[in-house]
Protein backbone atom coordinates (compact mmCIF):
# COMPACT_ATOMS: atom_id res chain seq x y z
CA UNK A 1 16.27 -44.59 -4.61
CA UNK A 2 18.95 -41.88 -3.85
CA UNK A 3 18.98 -40.05 -7.09
CA UNK A 4 15.05 -39.89 -6.44
CA UNK A 5 15.19 -38.47 -2.97
CA UNK A 6 17.91 -35.90 -4.37
CA UNK A 7 15.62 -35.04 -7.25
CA UNK A 8 13.19 -34.29 -4.78
CA UNK A 9 14.97 -32.55 -2.57
CA UNK A 10 16.54 -30.24 -5.65
CA UNK A 11 13.09 -29.62 -6.89
CA UNK A 12 12.07 -28.69 -3.44
CA UNK A 13 14.63 -26.20 -2.69
CA UNK A 14 13.83 -24.77 -6.66
CA UNK A 15 10.50 -24.01 -5.96
CA UNK A 16 10.84 -22.86 -2.96
CA UNK A 17 13.45 -20.06 -4.32
CA UNK A 18 11.03 -19.25 -7.05
CA UNK A 19 7.84 -19.02 -4.41
CA UNK A 20 10.17 -16.87 -2.56
CA UNK A 21 11.54 -14.83 -5.77
CA UNK A 22 7.52 -14.69 -7.08
CA UNK A 23 6.46 -13.05 -3.43
CA UNK A 24 9.51 -10.99 -3.65
CA UNK A 25 8.04 -9.19 -6.88
CA UNK A 26 5.14 -8.75 -5.32
CA UNK A 27 6.07 -7.03 -2.35
CA UNK A 28 8.35 -4.83 -4.53
CA UNK A 29 5.27 -4.13 -6.36
CA UNK A 30 3.54 -3.10 -3.14
CA UNK A 31 6.86 -0.77 -2.20
CA UNK A 32 6.78 1.09 -5.53
CA UNK A 33 3.47 2.00 -4.52
CA UNK A 34 4.30 3.16 -1.13
CA UNK A 35 7.66 5.82 -2.89
CA UNK A 36 4.91 6.67 -5.57
CA UNK A 37 2.46 7.93 -2.73
CA UNK A 38 5.21 9.21 -0.76
CA UNK A 39 7.00 10.97 -3.53
CA UNK A 40 3.74 12.89 -4.42
CA UNK A 41 3.40 14.12 -0.70
CA UNK A 42 7.24 15.03 -1.35
CA UNK A 43 6.23 16.97 -4.65
CA UNK A 44 3.41 18.68 -2.75
CA UNK A 45 5.86 19.61 0.29
CA UNK A 46 8.02 21.07 -2.11
CA UNK A 47 5.69 23.02 -3.99
CA UNK A 48 4.03 24.71 -0.97
CA UNK A 49 6.85 25.82 0.90
CA UNK A 50 5.78 23.22 3.74
CA UNK A 51 9.50 22.48 4.79
CA UNK A 52 8.02 20.81 7.96
CA UNK A 53 6.69 18.33 6.27
CA UNK A 54 9.48 18.26 3.13
CA UNK A 55 12.15 17.47 5.72
CA UNK A 56 9.52 14.87 7.58
CA UNK A 57 11.26 12.76 5.17
CA UNK A 58 14.64 12.98 6.13
CA UNK A 59 17.11 11.38 8.57
CA UNK A 60 19.18 13.94 11.17
CA UNK A 61 22.05 13.10 9.54
CA UNK A 62 20.90 13.55 5.94
CA UNK A 63 23.72 15.22 3.50
CA UNK A 64 22.75 17.80 0.31
CA UNK A 65 25.60 17.92 -2.17
CA UNK A 66 24.57 21.09 -4.53
CA UNK A 67 26.16 21.75 -8.19
CA UNK A 68 29.35 23.75 -7.76
CA UNK A 69 28.37 24.89 -3.62
CA UNK A 70 29.77 22.97 -0.51
CA UNK A 71 28.15 20.07 1.02
CA UNK A 72 25.41 20.55 3.28
CA UNK A 73 25.10 18.36 6.49
CA UNK A 74 22.37 17.61 8.65
CA UNK A 75 18.22 18.20 8.00
CA UNK A 76 18.62 21.27 10.81
CA UNK A 77 21.53 22.80 9.04
CA UNK A 78 19.45 21.54 4.99
CA UNK A 79 16.54 23.64 6.14
CA UNK A 80 17.42 26.73 7.93
CA UNK A 81 19.29 26.90 4.04
CA UNK A 82 16.23 26.04 2.45
CA UNK A 83 14.22 28.52 4.54
CA UNK A 84 16.95 31.02 3.49
CA UNK A 85 16.78 31.00 -0.09
CA UNK A 86 12.62 30.66 -0.08
CA UNK A 87 12.80 34.14 2.43
CA UNK A 88 14.90 35.51 -1.13
CA UNK A 89 12.92 34.61 -3.36
CA UNK A 90 13.26 31.52 -4.18
CA UNK A 91 10.24 29.24 -5.77
CA UNK A 92 9.61 26.24 -7.15
CA UNK A 93 6.79 26.27 -9.71
CA UNK A 94 6.33 22.52 -10.54
CA UNK A 95 8.13 19.60 -9.96
CA UNK A 96 7.40 15.99 -10.60
CA UNK A 97 9.45 12.55 -9.62
CA UNK A 98 8.94 8.95 -12.13
CA UNK A 99 9.79 5.70 -10.25
CA UNK A 100 11.79 3.63 -13.32
CA UNK A 101 12.74 0.67 -11.29
CA UNK A 102 12.48 -0.40 -7.35
CA UNK A 103 14.89 -3.51 -5.65
CA UNK A 104 15.62 -4.86 -2.60
CA UNK A 105 18.86 -6.15 -1.18
CA UNK A 106 18.83 -7.29 2.30
CA UNK A 107 17.44 -4.47 4.12
CA UNK A 108 16.89 -2.02 2.57
CA UNK A 109 15.18 -0.93 -0.91
CA UNK A 110 16.61 1.08 -3.76
CA UNK A 111 14.77 3.28 -6.29
CA UNK A 112 15.42 4.68 -9.61
CA UNK A 113 13.61 7.24 -11.32
CA UNK A 114 13.87 10.45 -12.97
CA UNK A 115 12.44 14.20 -12.05
CA UNK A 116 11.80 17.41 -13.56
CA UNK A 117 11.49 20.64 -11.86
CA UNK A 118 10.65 24.48 -12.92
CA UNK A 119 12.18 26.37 -10.53
CA UNK A 120 12.45 30.60 -10.27
């Protein structure tokens, strides 16, 4: 009887774990859909040069680390530098983001993907 109880408990714990994992998978699909929607808005703001909209996706303590350039700390400073570049003629002609994978850990969600950009 004791072994049957232990087996039932293990089975119950296993079912809860599997159900939790399936639920997490469904949630990740919803999260991926939401990220793709946000990415489309982000791309449009980039191409349109809508810096207010573009930088609404950043936190105030964001950091930009450009190739061959100094680190830029803070959303306000990043926005200021991009405005200066755009005023000087920097233009994004096309930009795309492709989400390859999304996963969660604790209360964080991670996205991995690729991007393509055409600019002058």
